[in-house]
N, C-alpha and C. Protein backbone atom coordinates (compact mmCIF):
# COMPACT_ATOMS: atom_id res chain seq x y z
N MET A 1 0.82 -1.20 0.00
CA MET A 1 0.00 0.00 0.00
C MET A 1 0.86 1.26 0.00
N GLN A 2 1.95 1.26 0.76
CA GLN A 2 2.78 2.46 0.83
C GLN A 2 3.30 2.86 -0.54
N ALA A 3 3.63 1.88 -1.39
CA ALA A 3 4.11 2.19 -2.74
C ALA A 3 3.06 2.96 -3.53
N MET A 4 1.79 2.64 -3.31
CA MET A 4 0.71 3.33 -4.03
C MET A 4 0.59 4.79 -3.60
N ILE A 5 0.77 5.08 -2.34
CA ILE A 5 0.57 6.44 -1.88
C ILE A 5 1.80 7.32 -2.01
N THR A 6 2.96 6.73 -2.33
CA THR A 6 4.14 7.57 -2.52
C THR A 6 3.98 8.49 -3.72
N GLN A 7 3.02 8.21 -4.58
CA GLN A 7 2.74 9.10 -5.72
C GLN A 7 2.27 10.48 -5.26
N PHE A 8 1.87 10.61 -4.00
CA PHE A 8 1.39 11.89 -3.47
C PHE A 8 2.52 12.79 -2.97
N ILE A 9 3.74 12.28 -2.85
CA ILE A 9 4.84 13.11 -2.35
C ILE A 9 5.04 14.30 -3.27
N ASN A 10 5.18 15.48 -2.66
CA ASN A 10 5.35 16.78 -3.34
C ASN A 10 4.10 17.26 -4.05
N LYS A 11 2.95 16.69 -3.74
CA LYS A 11 1.69 17.16 -4.32
C LYS A 11 0.81 17.74 -3.22
N GLU A 12 -0.06 18.68 -3.62
CA GLU A 12 -1.00 19.26 -2.66
C GLU A 12 -2.23 18.38 -2.56
N VAL A 13 -2.65 18.16 -1.32
CA VAL A 13 -3.80 17.31 -1.05
C VAL A 13 -4.74 18.00 -0.08
N ARG A 14 -5.99 17.59 -0.11
CA ARG A 14 -6.96 18.02 0.90
C ARG A 14 -6.91 16.96 1.99
N VAL A 15 -6.67 17.40 3.23
CA VAL A 15 -6.45 16.48 4.35
C VAL A 15 -7.73 16.39 5.19
N TYR A 16 -8.08 15.16 5.60
CA TYR A 16 -9.32 14.95 6.33
C TYR A 16 -9.16 14.25 7.68
N PRO A 17 -8.24 14.65 8.55
CA PRO A 17 -8.43 14.18 9.92
C PRO A 17 -9.26 15.24 10.63
N ASN A 18 -10.30 14.87 11.32
CA ASN A 18 -11.16 15.85 11.99
C ASN A 18 -11.58 16.93 11.00
N ASP A 19 -12.32 16.56 9.97
CA ASP A 19 -12.55 17.44 8.81
C ASP A 19 -13.58 18.54 9.01
N THR A 20 -13.63 19.13 10.20
CA THR A 20 -14.51 20.27 10.42
C THR A 20 -14.05 21.46 9.59
N TYR A 21 -12.74 21.62 9.45
CA TYR A 21 -12.16 22.75 8.72
C TYR A 21 -11.43 22.27 7.48
N LYS A 22 -11.50 23.08 6.42
CA LYS A 22 -10.79 22.78 5.18
C LYS A 22 -9.29 22.93 5.42
N LYS A 23 -8.52 21.92 4.98
CA LYS A 23 -7.08 21.95 5.11
C LYS A 23 -6.47 21.44 3.81
N ILE A 24 -5.53 22.20 3.25
CA ILE A 24 -4.78 21.77 2.08
C ILE A 24 -3.31 21.81 2.46
N ALA A 25 -2.59 20.75 2.09
CA ALA A 25 -1.19 20.64 2.48
C ALA A 25 -0.40 19.90 1.41
N LYS A 26 0.90 20.16 1.39
CA LYS A 26 1.80 19.45 0.50
C LYS A 26 2.37 18.26 1.25
N VAL A 27 2.33 17.09 0.64
CA VAL A 27 2.88 15.88 1.25
C VAL A 27 4.40 15.96 1.12
N ILE A 28 5.10 15.95 2.27
CA ILE A 28 6.56 16.03 2.20
C ILE A 28 7.24 14.71 2.57
N ASP A 29 6.53 13.80 3.22
CA ASP A 29 7.11 12.50 3.52
C ASP A 29 6.00 11.51 3.83
N ILE A 30 6.23 10.26 3.45
CA ILE A 30 5.34 9.16 3.80
C ILE A 30 6.23 8.03 4.32
N ASN A 31 5.90 7.53 5.50
CA ASN A 31 6.65 6.41 6.06
C ASN A 31 5.65 5.40 6.63
N PRO A 32 6.10 4.27 7.12
CA PRO A 32 5.15 3.25 7.60
C PRO A 32 4.22 3.72 8.72
N ALA A 33 4.61 4.76 9.45
CA ALA A 33 3.78 5.24 10.56
C ALA A 33 2.72 6.24 10.13
N GLY A 34 2.98 7.01 9.07
CA GLY A 34 2.02 8.03 8.65
C GLY A 34 2.59 8.98 7.62
N VAL A 35 2.01 10.18 7.56
CA VAL A 35 2.34 11.16 6.52
C VAL A 35 2.71 12.49 7.17
N THR A 36 3.74 13.14 6.63
CA THR A 36 4.13 14.48 7.07
C THR A 36 3.71 15.47 6.01
N PHE A 37 3.06 16.54 6.46
CA PHE A 37 2.51 17.56 5.57
C PHE A 37 3.10 18.94 5.87
N LEU A 38 3.18 19.78 4.85
CA LEU A 38 3.43 21.21 4.99
C LEU A 38 2.11 21.89 4.68
N VAL A 39 1.51 22.55 5.64
CA VAL A 39 0.19 23.16 5.48
C VAL A 39 0.30 24.39 4.58
N THR A 40 -0.52 24.42 3.51
CA THR A 40 -0.50 25.55 2.57
C THR A 40 -1.76 26.40 2.64
N GLU A 41 -2.89 25.82 3.03
CA GLU A 41 -4.14 26.54 3.22
C GLU A 41 -4.87 25.90 4.39
N SER A 42 -5.53 26.74 5.21
CA SER A 42 -6.23 26.17 6.34
C SER A 42 -7.27 27.13 6.88
N GLU A 43 -8.44 26.59 7.21
CA GLU A 43 -9.46 27.37 7.91
C GLU A 43 -9.32 27.18 9.42
N ASP A 44 -8.38 26.33 9.84
CA ASP A 44 -8.14 26.05 11.25
C ASP A 44 -6.78 26.64 11.64
N SER A 45 -6.74 27.93 11.92
CA SER A 45 -5.47 28.62 12.16
C SER A 45 -4.81 28.22 13.48
N LYS A 46 -5.55 27.64 14.40
CA LYS A 46 -4.94 27.21 15.66
C LYS A 46 -4.35 25.80 15.55
N GLY A 47 -5.12 24.88 15.02
CA GLY A 47 -4.66 23.49 14.95
C GLY A 47 -3.81 23.17 13.74
N TRP A 48 -4.06 23.85 12.62
CA TRP A 48 -3.34 23.62 11.37
C TRP A 48 -2.93 24.96 10.76
N PRO A 49 -2.04 25.72 11.39
CA PRO A 49 -1.65 27.01 10.83
C PRO A 49 -0.87 26.86 9.52
N VAL A 50 -1.06 27.80 8.61
CA VAL A 50 -0.35 27.80 7.33
C VAL A 50 1.16 27.84 7.60
N ASN A 51 1.90 27.12 6.79
CA ASN A 51 3.36 26.98 6.86
C ASN A 51 3.84 26.11 8.02
N SER A 52 2.93 25.43 8.71
CA SER A 52 3.36 24.52 9.77
C SER A 52 3.57 23.13 9.18
N ILE A 53 4.37 22.34 9.87
CA ILE A 53 4.61 20.95 9.50
C ILE A 53 3.75 20.09 10.43
N LYS A 54 2.99 19.18 9.84
CA LYS A 54 2.10 18.31 10.62
C LYS A 54 2.36 16.86 10.25
N PHE A 55 2.41 16.00 11.26
CA PHE A 55 2.50 14.56 11.04
C PHE A 55 1.17 13.96 11.47
N VAL A 56 0.62 13.10 10.61
CA VAL A 56 -0.63 12.41 10.94
C VAL A 56 -0.38 10.91 10.78
N ALA A 57 -0.59 10.17 11.85
CA ALA A 57 -0.40 8.72 11.82
C ALA A 57 -1.53 8.05 11.05
N PHE A 58 -1.20 6.95 10.39
CA PHE A 58 -2.23 6.18 9.69
C PHE A 58 -3.28 5.68 10.68
N SER A 59 -2.89 5.45 11.92
CA SER A 59 -3.83 4.96 12.93
C SER A 59 -4.86 6.02 13.33
N ALA A 60 -4.68 7.26 12.89
CA ALA A 60 -5.61 8.35 13.23
C ALA A 60 -6.71 8.50 12.18
N SER A 61 -7.01 7.45 11.46
CA SER A 61 -8.05 7.48 10.41
C SER A 61 -7.76 8.56 9.38
N LEU A 62 -6.53 8.62 8.93
CA LEU A 62 -6.09 9.61 7.95
C LEU A 62 -6.72 9.35 6.59
N ASN A 63 -7.25 10.42 5.98
CA ASN A 63 -7.74 10.39 4.62
C ASN A 63 -7.25 11.65 3.93
N PHE A 64 -6.88 11.53 2.65
CA PHE A 64 -6.55 12.71 1.87
C PHE A 64 -6.76 12.42 0.39
N THR A 65 -7.03 13.47 -0.36
CA THR A 65 -7.25 13.37 -1.80
C THR A 65 -6.47 14.50 -2.47
N LEU A 66 -6.16 14.34 -3.74
CA LEU A 66 -5.47 15.40 -4.46
C LEU A 66 -6.33 16.66 -4.43
N ALA A 67 -5.68 17.79 -4.17
CA ALA A 67 -6.39 19.08 -4.18
C ALA A 67 -6.64 19.47 -5.63
N GLN A 68 -7.79 20.03 -5.87
CA GLN A 68 -8.15 20.46 -7.24
C GLN A 68 -8.08 21.95 -7.36
């Protein structure tokens, strides 16, 4: 599965953990534990501030899709 999602590295995605707020981020790393993002757009300035680095574990019900 990890080989399939490595195609997202360096691409902007819409991130859906706790999807109350819109979050768009660039995928900067994927490893067996989860995904590291650079936040580029966010309606959640406290939890997901723009230009912050966020790691989300796969165990946290992580979902993301390519940003359009």
